[in-house]
Protein backbone atom coordinates (compact mmCIF):
# COMPACT_ATOMS: atom_id res chain seq x y z
CA UNK A 1 16.00 9.17 -17.22
CA UNK A 2 17.26 5.83 -15.94
CA UNK A 3 15.41 2.69 -14.83
CA UNK A 4 15.85 1.29 -11.32
CA UNK A 5 14.87 -2.07 -9.86
CA UNK A 6 13.70 -1.72 -6.26
CA UNK A 7 13.45 -4.67 -3.88
CA UNK A 8 11.26 -3.32 -1.10
CA UNK A 9 10.31 -4.58 2.34
CA UNK A 10 7.30 -3.10 4.07
CA UNK A 11 6.36 -3.62 7.71
CA UNK A 12 3.18 -2.95 9.72
CA UNK A 13 0.97 -2.41 6.68
CA UNK A 14 -2.77 -3.02 6.99
CA UNK A 15 -4.06 -5.90 4.89
CA UNK A 16 -7.75 -6.78 4.66
CA UNK A 17 -8.08 -10.55 5.14
CA UNK A 18 -11.66 -11.78 5.11
CA UNK A 19 -12.95 -8.42 6.33
CA UNK A 20 -10.42 -8.11 9.18
CA UNK A 21 -7.55 -5.62 8.95
CA UNK A 22 -4.31 -7.32 10.02
CA UNK A 23 -0.87 -5.71 10.12
CA UNK A 24 1.51 -7.55 7.80
CA UNK A 25 4.88 -7.16 6.22
CA UNK A 26 5.64 -7.72 2.55
CA UNK A 27 8.34 -7.99 -0.06
CA UNK A 28 7.91 -6.74 -3.61
CA UNK A 29 9.97 -5.79 -6.63
CA UNK A 30 9.17 -2.63 -8.56
CA UNK A 31 10.71 -0.84 -11.51
CA UNK A 32 10.69 2.95 -11.63
CA UNK A 33 12.08 5.48 -14.04
CA UNK A 34 13.87 8.39 -12.36
CA UNK A 35 16.58 10.98 -12.81
CA UNK A 36 18.55 9.40 -9.93
CA UNK A 37 18.01 6.73 -7.31
CA UNK A 38 17.28 9.48 -4.78
CA UNK A 39 14.52 11.15 -6.78
CA UNK A 40 11.89 8.55 -7.62
CA UNK A 41 8.28 8.12 -6.63
CA UNK A 42 6.03 5.25 -7.61
CA UNK A 43 2.27 5.79 -7.21
CA UNK A 44 1.86 2.07 -6.40
CA UNK A 45 3.86 2.63 -3.19
CA UNK A 46 1.63 5.43 -1.87
CA UNK A 47 -0.86 5.01 0.97
CA UNK A 48 -4.24 4.00 -0.47
CA UNK A 49 -7.23 6.17 0.46
CA UNK A 50 -8.81 5.18 3.77
CA UNK A 51 -5.60 3.79 5.33
CA UNK A 52 -3.93 7.07 6.35
CA UNK A 53 -4.30 6.21 10.07
CA UNK A 54 -1.75 3.40 9.65
CA UNK A 55 0.97 5.60 8.11
CA UNK A 56 2.68 6.43 11.42
CA UNK A 57 3.61 2.79 12.23
CA UNK A 58 4.11 1.48 8.72
CA UNK A 59 7.59 1.50 7.24
CA UNK A 60 9.04 0.84 3.82
CA UNK A 61 12.70 0.27 3.10
CA UNK A 62 14.46 -0.55 -0.11
CA UNK A 63 16.77 -3.46 0.56
CA UNK A 64 18.20 -3.27 -2.94
CA UNK A 65 18.26 -0.45 -5.49
CA UNK A 66 19.94 -1.26 -8.78
CA UNK A 67 20.09 0.70 -12.01
CA UNK A 68 19.02 -1.48 -14.93
CA UNK A 69 18.88 -1.02 -18.70
CA UNK A 70 15.10 -1.55 -18.75
CA UNK A 71 12.40 -3.19 -16.65
CA UNK A 72 11.70 -6.87 -17.14
CA UNK A 73 8.18 -8.19 -17.50
CA UNK A 74 7.36 -9.62 -14.06
CA UNK A 75 4.21 -9.65 -12.00
CA UNK A 76 3.58 -6.83 -9.54
CA UNK A 77 2.57 -9.11 -6.68
CA UNK A 78 3.51 -8.99 -3.03
CA UNK A 79 4.80 -11.75 -0.74
CA UNK A 80 3.19 -11.13 2.65
CA UNK A 81 4.38 -12.26 6.07
CA UNK A 82 2.82 -11.83 9.54
CA UNK A 83 4.35 -9.24 11.83
CA UNK A 84 5.82 -10.84 14.95
CA UNK A 85 4.29 -10.03 18.29
CA UNK A 86 6.23 -7.98 20.83
CA UNK A 87 8.56 -10.10 22.94
CA UNK A 88 7.03 -8.55 26.09
CA UNK A 89 3.75 -10.35 25.35
CA UNK A 90 5.33 -13.82 25.76
């Protein structure tokens, strides 16, 4: 199986900030091992228990998918950003 580097962007994901759930977006890089770039699944990218109600509005897209020789040792952190309000609310 081959290794792939995924640069992912998530939008409308619930994040608990000081006890308040706020919808945020994020960027993260992950490495997964898969037979092809179409057939991978990373348990870290699954909906955590208790947040299933947010699945309908949340989205995840892979902005870059690149086959690599092996994963590099990087942190598994996220860079969060606030979701913009609807333009109709202005």
